[in-house]
Amino acid sequence: MSAHTPTDPAKIQRQKRLEETLKENLRRRKAQARSRSETAERPGLMPSDEDAENEA
């Protein structure tokens, strides 16, 4: 076994939960980045400041 692999079952469970949490966080961050890049490519989706002032 490598030095990074815990042998205690509780530590193994904790490491697996941490790995799953980190993977989910990465997925969420990638989706957020994709969403932001899509929005930046289509600037017409966000109203400009002038439009907001005219509506008020």
Protein backbone atom coordinates (compact mmCIF):
# COMPACT_ATOMS: atom_id res chain seq x y z
CA MET A 1 0.00 0.00 0.00
CA SER A 2 1.13 3.55 -0.66
CA ALA A 3 1.77 6.10 2.06
CA HIS A 4 -1.40 8.01 1.09
CA THR A 5 -3.81 5.09 1.51
CA PRO A 6 -5.34 4.87 5.00
CA THR A 7 -5.76 1.44 6.54
CA ASP A 8 -8.39 2.37 9.14
CA PRO A 9 -11.93 1.71 7.75
CA ALA A 10 -13.21 5.01 9.18
CA LYS A 11 -10.41 6.89 7.44
CA ILE A 12 -11.15 5.08 4.18
CA GLN A 13 -14.82 6.10 4.40
CA ARG A 14 -13.82 9.69 5.17
CA GLN A 15 -11.42 9.76 2.23
CA LYS A 16 -14.09 8.40 -0.13
CA ARG A 17 -16.58 11.05 1.04
CA LEU A 18 -13.94 13.74 0.53
CA GLU A 19 -13.16 12.47 -2.98
CA GLU A 20 -16.86 12.48 -3.89
CA THR A 21 -17.30 15.98 -2.49
CA LEU A 22 -14.30 17.27 -4.42
CA LYS A 23 -15.53 15.66 -7.66
CA GLU A 24 -18.98 17.20 -7.22
CA ASN A 25 -17.42 20.59 -6.51
CA LEU A 26 -15.35 20.31 -9.68
CA ARG A 27 -18.43 19.40 -11.73
CA ARG A 28 -20.32 22.37 -10.29
CA ARG A 29 -17.44 24.77 -10.98
CA LYS A 30 -17.11 23.52 -14.57
CA ALA A 31 -20.85 23.94 -15.16
CA GLN A 32 -20.68 27.44 -13.72
CA ALA A 33 -17.73 28.32 -15.95
CA ARG A 34 -19.57 26.97 -19.02
CA SER A 35 -22.63 29.01 -18.12
CA ARG A 36 -20.57 32.15 -17.71
CA SER A 37 -18.79 31.66 -21.03
CA GLU A 38 -22.10 31.07 -22.83
CA THR A 39 -23.52 34.25 -21.32
CA ALA A 40 -20.42 36.21 -22.34
CA GLU A 41 -20.79 34.95 -25.91
CA ARG A 42 -24.36 36.25 -26.04
CA PRO A 43 -24.25 39.74 -24.55
CA GLY A 44 -27.84 40.48 -25.62
CA LEU A 45 -29.18 38.34 -22.79
CA MET A 46 -28.33 40.88 -20.08
CA PRO A 47 -30.11 44.27 -20.11
CA SER A 48 -27.78 47.24 -20.23
CA ASP A 49 -27.76 49.94 -17.56
CA GLU A 50 -29.57 52.32 -19.92
CA ASP A 51 -32.39 49.83 -20.42
CA ALA A 52 -32.78 49.39 -16.67
CA GLU A 53 -32.96 53.17 -16.18
CA ASN A 54 -35.57 53.53 -18.92
CA GLU A 55 -37.79 50.88 -17.32
CA ALA A 56 -37.74 52.57 -13.90
